[in-house]
Every structure is written in C-alpha cells, then in structure tokens.
N, C-alpha and C. Protein backbone atom coordinates (compact mmCIF):
# COMPACT_ATOMS: atom_id res chain seq x y z
N MET A 1 83.20 94.55 68.23
CA MET A 1 84.49 94.59 67.71
C MET A 1 85.56 95.19 68.53
N TRP A 2 84.89 96.54 69.02
CA TRP A 2 85.78 97.81 69.83
C TRP A 2 85.85 97.23 71.41
N LEU A 3 84.82 96.08 71.42
CA LEU A 3 84.91 95.64 72.71
C LEU A 3 85.99 94.64 73.04
N ILE A 4 85.95 93.82 72.11
CA ILE A 4 87.48 92.91 71.90
C ILE A 4 88.66 93.30 71.72
N VAL A 5 88.73 94.59 71.13
CA VAL A 5 90.02 95.48 70.90
C VAL A 5 90.34 96.08 72.48
N LEU A 6 89.41 96.40 73.08
CA LEU A 6 89.62 97.27 74.53
C LEU A 6 89.93 95.90 75.34
N GLU A 7 89.45 94.95 75.56
CA GLU A 7 89.61 93.87 76.22
C GLU A 7 90.89 93.41 76.05
N ALA A 8 91.51 92.99 74.90
CA ALA A 8 92.92 93.01 74.62
C ALA A 8 94.15 93.84 74.91
N VAL A 9 93.63 95.14 74.69
CA VAL A 9 94.42 96.35 75.30
C VAL A 9 94.39 96.29 76.78
N GLY A 10 93.46 95.72 77.57
CA GLY A 10 93.46 95.83 78.97
C GLY A 10 94.38 94.73 79.41
N ALA A 11 94.30 93.52 78.90
CA ALA A 11 95.13 92.58 79.04
C ALA A 11 96.32 92.28 78.90
N LEU A 12 96.76 93.14 77.79
CA LEU A 12 98.11 93.62 77.65
C LEU A 12 98.71 94.39 78.54
N ALA A 13 98.08 95.51 79.13
CA ALA A 13 98.33 96.65 80.02
C ALA A 13 98.72 95.79 81.18
N VAL A 14 97.86 94.86 81.79
CA VAL A 14 97.83 94.25 83.19
C VAL A 14 99.01 93.03 82.92
N LEU A 15 99.47 92.83 81.78
CA LEU A 15 100.61 91.85 81.57
C LEU A 15 101.95 92.63 81.68
N VAL A 16 102.07 93.97 80.90
CA VAL A 16 102.85 94.58 81.17
C VAL A 16 103.47 95.26 82.83
N PHE A 17 102.06 95.50 83.21
CA PHE A 17 102.23 95.91 84.52
C PHE A 17 102.81 94.78 85.53
N ALA A 18 102.36 93.60 85.23
CA ALA A 18 102.69 92.31 86.07
C ALA A 18 104.13 92.21 85.67
N PHE A 19 104.48 92.44 84.71
CA PHE A 19 106.19 92.18 84.24
C PHE A 19 106.92 93.36 84.82
N TRP A 20 106.54 94.52 84.70
CA TRP A 20 107.41 95.72 85.41
C TRP A 20 107.48 95.52 87.11
N TRP A 21 106.20 95.06 87.50
CA TRP A 21 106.35 94.84 88.90
C TRP A 21 107.33 93.97 89.58
N THR A 22 107.44 92.76 88.70
CA THR A 22 108.39 91.84 89.24
C THR A 22 109.78 91.95 88.77
N MET A 23 109.98 92.42 88.06
CA MET A 23 111.31 92.87 87.26
C MET A 23 112.28 94.22 88.00
N PHE A 24 111.26 95.28 87.97
CA PHE A 24 111.87 96.53 88.31
C PHE A 24 111.24 97.33 89.57
N SER A 25 110.68 96.32 90.04
CA SER A 25 110.04 97.24 91.52
C SER A 25 110.56 96.57 92.79
N GLY A 26 111.98 96.89 92.88
CA GLY A 26 112.75 96.28 94.29
C GLY A 26 113.15 97.07 94.97
N ARG A 27 114.38 96.90 95.61
CA ARG A 27 114.86 97.58 96.65
C ARG A 27 115.47 98.86 95.73
N ARG A 28 115.62 100.00 96.21
CA ARG A 28 116.30 101.18 95.76
C ARG A 28 117.37 101.29 95.37
N GLY A 29 118.35 100.42 96.19
CA GLY A 29 119.84 100.27 96.18
C GLY A 29 120.32 99.13 95.59
N GLY A 30 119.33 98.30 94.85
CA GLY A 30 119.77 97.11 94.30
C GLY A 30 119.71 95.80 95.36
N GLU A 31 119.87 94.65 94.76
CA GLU A 31 119.83 93.68 95.70
C GLU A 31 121.05 93.57 96.63
N LEU A 32 120.81 93.18 97.74
CA LEU A 32 121.60 92.98 99.03
C LEU A 32 122.83 92.13 98.61
N PRO A 33 124.01 92.40 99.05
CA PRO A 33 125.11 91.64 98.68
C PRO A 33 124.99 90.33 99.28
N THR A 34 125.82 89.50 98.52
CA THR A 34 125.99 88.14 99.17
C THR A 34 127.13 87.88 99.95
N ALA A 35 126.75 86.83 100.98
CA ALA A 35 128.13 86.51 101.59
C ALA A 35 129.39 86.63 100.84
N ASP A 36 129.69 86.26 99.72
CA ASP A 36 130.67 86.19 99.13
C ASP A 36 131.28 87.64 98.61
N GLN A 37 130.31 88.29 98.42
CA GLN A 37 130.79 89.68 98.09
C GLN A 37 131.07 90.67 99.08
N GLU A 38 130.69 90.31 100.42
CA GLU A 38 131.22 91.26 101.50
C GLU A 38 131.96 90.75 102.43
N GLY A 39 132.68 89.45 102.01
CA GLY A 39 133.69 88.71 103.08
C GLY A 39 132.98 87.58 103.49
N ASP A 40 133.77 87.09 104.76
CA ASP A 40 133.37 85.84 105.44
C ASP A 40 132.68 86.47 106.31
N ARG A 41 131.48 85.92 106.71
CA ARG A 41 130.51 86.45 107.90
C ARG A 41 130.31 85.17 108.85
N GLY A 42 131.19 84.20 108.58
CA GLY A 42 131.02 82.87 109.25
C GLY A 42 129.45 82.33 108.99
N GLY A 43 129.14 81.30 109.77
CA GLY A 43 127.93 80.58 109.34
C GLY A 43 127.93 79.12 108.96
N SER A 44 127.92 79.13 107.95
CA SER A 44 127.81 77.87 107.10
C SER A 44 128.94 77.24 106.71
N LYS A 45 130.02 78.13 106.68
CA LYS A 45 131.21 77.87 106.26
C LYS A 45 132.16 76.58 107.46
N LYS A 46 132.93 75.46 106.84
CA LYS A 46 133.43 74.70 107.78
C LYS A 46 134.93 75.48 108.10
N LEU A 47 135.41 75.43 109.62
CA LEU A 47 136.17 75.71 110.01
C LEU A 47 137.62 75.34 109.40
N LYS A 48 138.70 75.50 108.84
CA LYS A 48 140.07 75.11 108.69
C LYS A 48 140.67 74.34 109.92
N GLY A 49 141.34 73.65 109.71
CA GLY A 49 142.51 72.93 110.43
C GLY A 49 142.20 71.87 111.20
C-alpha cells in the first residue's frame, strides 16, 4: 500500500516539476519585446507609397 502512495507522490512531484520548468524557468528579464513593442525595425512590413 505504501509503495503505491510513494509512487503516486513521485509522479505528482515529476508533474509539478515539469509544470514549473515550462512555466517559470525562462529568461530572467522576461520575454523579449516584440517588433510592435520596440518600434518598426523593418523586414516584413511593406513600404508605403
């Protein structure tokens, strides 16, 4: 019985660790700003005129 509980706790710990790793383990300053946030840097936008 205790072996089943121990295995379930281990599986839950792996699940929580995988969730934490994918959600909160990123760049220290957050995500990089997108092109819209930092202004027009050219590239894929068409020229006017």
